[in-house]
C-alpha atoms as a PDB file:
ATOM      1  CA  UNK A   1       0.000   0.000   0.000  1.00  0.00           C
ATOM      2  CA  UNK A   2       1.263   3.448  -0.915  1.00  0.00           C
ATOM      3  CA  UNK A   3       1.363   6.339   1.568  1.00  0.00           C
ATOM      4  CA  UNK A   4       1.599   9.171  -0.995  1.00  0.00           C
ATOM      5  CA  UNK A   5      -1.432  10.057  -3.117  1.00  0.00           C
ATOM      6  CA  UNK A   6      -0.982   8.590  -6.602  1.00  0.00           C
ATOM      7  CA  UNK A   7      -1.240  11.101  -9.455  1.00  0.00           C
ATOM      8  CA  UNK A   8      -0.570   8.633 -12.291  1.00  0.00           C
ATOM      9  CA  UNK A   9       0.448   5.083 -13.121  1.00  0.00           C
ATOM     10  CA  UNK A  10       3.916   4.242 -14.421  1.00  0.00           C
ATOM     11  CA  UNK A  11       5.799   1.426 -16.110  1.00  0.00           C
ATOM     12  CA  UNK A  12       9.298   0.493 -14.971  1.00  0.00           C
ATOM     13  CA  UNK A  13      11.583  -0.136 -17.964  1.00  0.00           C
ATOM     14  CA  UNK A  14      14.927  -1.947 -17.732  1.00  0.00           C
ATOM     15  CA  UNK A  15      17.528  -3.415 -20.060  1.00  0.00           C
ATOM     16  CA  UNK A  16      19.999  -2.493 -22.774  1.00  0.00           C
ATOM     17  CA  UNK A  17      21.093  -3.838 -26.127  1.00  0.00           C
ATOM     18  CA  UNK A  18      23.936  -3.126 -28.537  1.00  0.00           C
ATOM     19  CA  UNK A  19      23.225  -1.583 -31.934  1.00  0.00           C
ATOM     20  CA  UNK A  20      24.989  -2.355 -35.236  1.00  0.00           C
ATOM     21  CA  UNK A  21      27.734   0.161 -34.377  1.00  0.00           C
ATOM     22  CA  UNK A  22      28.487  -1.360 -30.964  1.00  0.00           C
ATOM     23  CA  UNK A  23      26.766   1.424 -29.028  1.00  0.00           C
ATOM     24  CA  UNK A  24      24.648   0.569 -26.015  1.00  0.00           C
ATOM     25  CA  UNK A  25      20.958   1.458 -26.334  1.00  0.00           C
ATOM     26  CA  UNK A  26      18.129   1.260 -23.832  1.00  0.00           C
ATOM     27  CA  UNK A  27      15.377  -1.256 -24.464  1.00  0.00           C
ATOM     28  CA  UNK A  28      11.798  -0.587 -23.520  1.00  0.00           C
ATOM     29  CA  UNK A  29      11.341  -3.913 -21.737  1.00  0.00           C
ATOM     30  CA  UNK A  30       8.731  -3.375 -19.006  1.00  0.00           C
ATOM     31  CA  UNK A  31       9.431  -5.195 -15.759  1.00  0.00           C
ATOM     32  CA  UNK A  32       6.328  -3.692 -14.118  1.00  0.00           C
ATOM     33  CA  UNK A  33       3.298  -1.827 -15.490  1.00  0.00           C
ATOM     34  CA  UNK A  34       0.384  -0.022 -13.897  1.00  0.00           C
ATOM     35  CA  UNK A  35       2.406   0.925 -10.809  1.00  0.00           C
ATOM     36  CA  UNK A  36       0.644   3.721  -8.873  1.00  0.00           C
ATOM     37  CA  UNK A  37       2.944   6.710  -8.451  1.00  0.00           C
ATOM     38  CA  UNK A  38       2.977  10.248  -7.137  1.00  0.00           C
ATOM     39  CA  UNK A  39       4.902  12.069  -9.868  1.00  0.00           C
ATOM     40  CA  UNK A  40       5.715  15.753  -9.483  1.00  0.00           C
ATOM     41  CA  UNK A  41       7.751  17.907 -11.866  1.00  0.00           C
ATOM     42  CA  UNK A  42       9.239  21.082 -10.456  1.00  0.00           C
ATOM     43  CA  UNK A  43      11.563  23.879 -11.492  1.00  0.00           C
ATOM     44  CA  UNK A  44      14.335  25.527  -9.543  1.00  0.00           C
ATOM     45  CA  UNK A  45      16.275  28.729 -10.236  1.00  0.00           C
ATOM     46  CA  UNK A  46      20.003  27.940 -10.076  1.00  0.00           C
ATOM     47  CA  UNK A  47      23.110  30.128 -10.147  1.00  0.00           C
ATOM     48  CA  UNK A  48      26.759  29.230  -9.765  1.00  0.00           C
ATOM     49  CA  UNK A  49      29.772  31.219  -8.634  1.00  0.00           C
ATOM     50  CA  UNK A  50      31.245  30.991 -12.150  1.00  0.00           C
ATOM     51  CA  UNK A  51      28.023  32.055 -13.878  1.00  0.00           C
ATOM     52  CA  UNK A  52      25.752  34.303 -11.780  1.00  0.00           C
ATOM     53  CA  UNK A  53      23.095  34.337 -14.522  1.00  0.00           C
ATOM     54  CA  UNK A  54      20.077  32.457 -13.164  1.00  0.00           C
ATOM     55  CA  UNK A  55      19.062  29.282 -15.006  1.00  0.00           C
ATOM     56  CA  UNK A  56      15.833  27.344 -14.661  1.00  0.00           C
ATOM     57  CA  UNK A  57      16.421  23.644 -13.992  1.00  0.00           C
ATOM     58  CA  UNK A  58      13.558  21.141 -14.283  1.00  0.00           C
ATOM     59  CA  UNK A  59      13.518  18.000 -12.197  1.00  0.00           C
ATOM     60  CA  UNK A  60      11.015  15.362 -11.145  1.00  0.00           C
ATOM     61  CA  UNK A  61      10.417  13.296  -8.043  1.00  0.00           C
ATOM     62  CA  UNK A  62       8.224  10.223  -7.824  1.00  0.00           C
ATOM     63  CA  UNK A  63       7.074   8.039  -4.984  1.00  0.00           C
ATOM     64  CA  UNK A  64       6.111   4.427  -5.615  1.00  0.00           C
ATOM     65  CA  UNK A  65       5.009   1.601  -3.279  1.00  0.00           C
ATOM     66  CA  UNK A  66       7.759   0.051  -1.161  1.00  0.00           C
ATOM     67  CA  UNK A  67       7.547  -3.358  -2.887  1.00  0.00           C
ATOM     68  CA  UNK A  68       8.268  -1.895  -6.357  1.00  0.00           C
ATOM     69  CA  UNK A  69      11.285  -3.416  -8.133  1.00  0.00           C
ATOM     70  CA  UNK A  70      13.114  -0.255  -9.257  1.00  0.00           C
ATOM     71  CA  UNK A  71      16.825   0.598  -9.245  1.00  0.00           C
ATOM     72  CA  UNK A  72      19.145   3.392 -10.342  1.00  0.00           C
ATOM     73  CA  UNK A  73      19.394   3.715 -14.137  1.00  0.00           C
ATOM     74  CA  UNK A  74      15.971   2.111 -14.721  1.00  0.00           C
ATOM     75  CA  UNK A  75      13.544   4.188 -16.739  1.00  0.00           C
ATOM     76  CA  UNK A  76      10.071   5.218 -15.644  1.00  0.00           C
ATOM     77  CA  UNK A  77       7.333   5.808 -18.231  1.00  0.00           C
ATOM     78  CA  UNK A  78       4.352   7.907 -17.208  1.00  0.00           C
ATOM     79  CA  UNK A  79       1.464   5.916 -18.686  1.00  0.00           C
ATOM     80  CA  UNK A  80      -0.781   9.003 -18.741  1.00  0.00           C
ATOM     81  CA  UNK A  81       1.532  11.375 -20.654  1.00  0.00           C
ATOM     82  CA  UNK A  82       4.026   8.986 -22.285  1.00  0.00           C
ATOM     83  CA  UNK A  83       6.982  10.906 -20.787  1.00  0.00           C
ATOM     84  CA  UNK A  84      10.040   8.813 -19.969  1.00  0.00           C
ATOM     85  CA  UNK A  85      12.407   9.562 -17.084  1.00  0.00           C
ATOM     86  CA  UNK A  86      15.709   7.998 -16.046  1.00  0.00           C
ATOM     87  CA  UNK A  87      16.072   7.088 -12.363  1.00  0.00           C
ATOM     88  CA  UNK A  88      19.085   8.965 -10.978  1.00  0.00           C
ATOM     89  CA  UNK A  89      18.653   7.764  -7.388  1.00  0.00           C
ATOM     90  CA  UNK A  90      16.318   5.784  -5.156  1.00  0.00           C
ATOM     91  CA  UNK A  91      15.855   6.293  -1.427  1.00  0.00           C
ATOM     92  CA  UNK A  92      13.519   5.428   1.411  1.00  0.00           C
ATOM     93  CA  UNK A  93      13.086   6.759   4.912  1.00  0.00           C
ATOM     94  CA  UNK A  94      13.486   4.387   7.854  1.00  0.00           C
ATOM     95  CA  UNK A  95      10.211   3.970   9.726  1.00  0.00           C
ATOM     96  CA  UNK A  96       9.691   1.173  12.257  1.00  0.00           C
ATOM     97  CA  UNK A  97       5.902   1.650  12.307  1.00  0.00           C
ATOM     98  CA  UNK A  98       5.198   1.253   8.583  1.00  0.00           C
ATOM     99  CA  UNK A  99       6.892   0.512   5.286  1.00  0.00           C
ATOM    100  CA  UNK A 100       7.604   3.858   3.563  1.00  0.00           C
ATOM    101  CA  UNK A 101       7.291   4.573  -0.155  1.00  0.00           C
ATOM    102  CA  UNK A 102      10.382   4.551  -2.379  1.00  0.00           C
ATOM    103  CA  UNK A 103      11.447   8.017  -3.520  1.00  0.00           C
ATOM    104  CA  UNK A 104      12.806   8.292  -7.074  1.00  0.00           C
ATOM    105  CA  UNK A 105      14.903  11.247  -8.227  1.00  0.00           C
ATOM    106  CA  UNK A 106      14.167  11.473 -11.938  1.00  0.00           C
ATOM    107  CA  UNK A 107      15.510  13.222 -15.013  1.00  0.00           C
ATOM    108  CA  UNK A 108      13.218  13.542 -18.029  1.00  0.00           C
ATOM    109  CA  UNK A 109      14.563  12.026 -21.253  1.00  0.00           C
ATOM    110  CA  UNK A 110      11.572  12.524 -23.606  1.00  0.00           C
END
């Protein structure tokens, strides 16, 4: 059971193949589909010491049920919009009273 309120359903995609030129390419092999997820895209204004000009950076965070088989470098496809994200990191809070959702730090690829 998920603690966050689901805003969409996602598919978890995993796997790679090698093309005719020897380059690695992602495959769209689903290892799970219809996974409820709370998916939120946000923007942040960022500046650096080297370049004080503000830039807008987009990022996304998702929460999925604790039993979901998802790892870093998997891809997440939003079944509602068709957008695909790469999983940069997964994390979960320690909670002795209940099993917390898995947090996914995502980067949009399409």
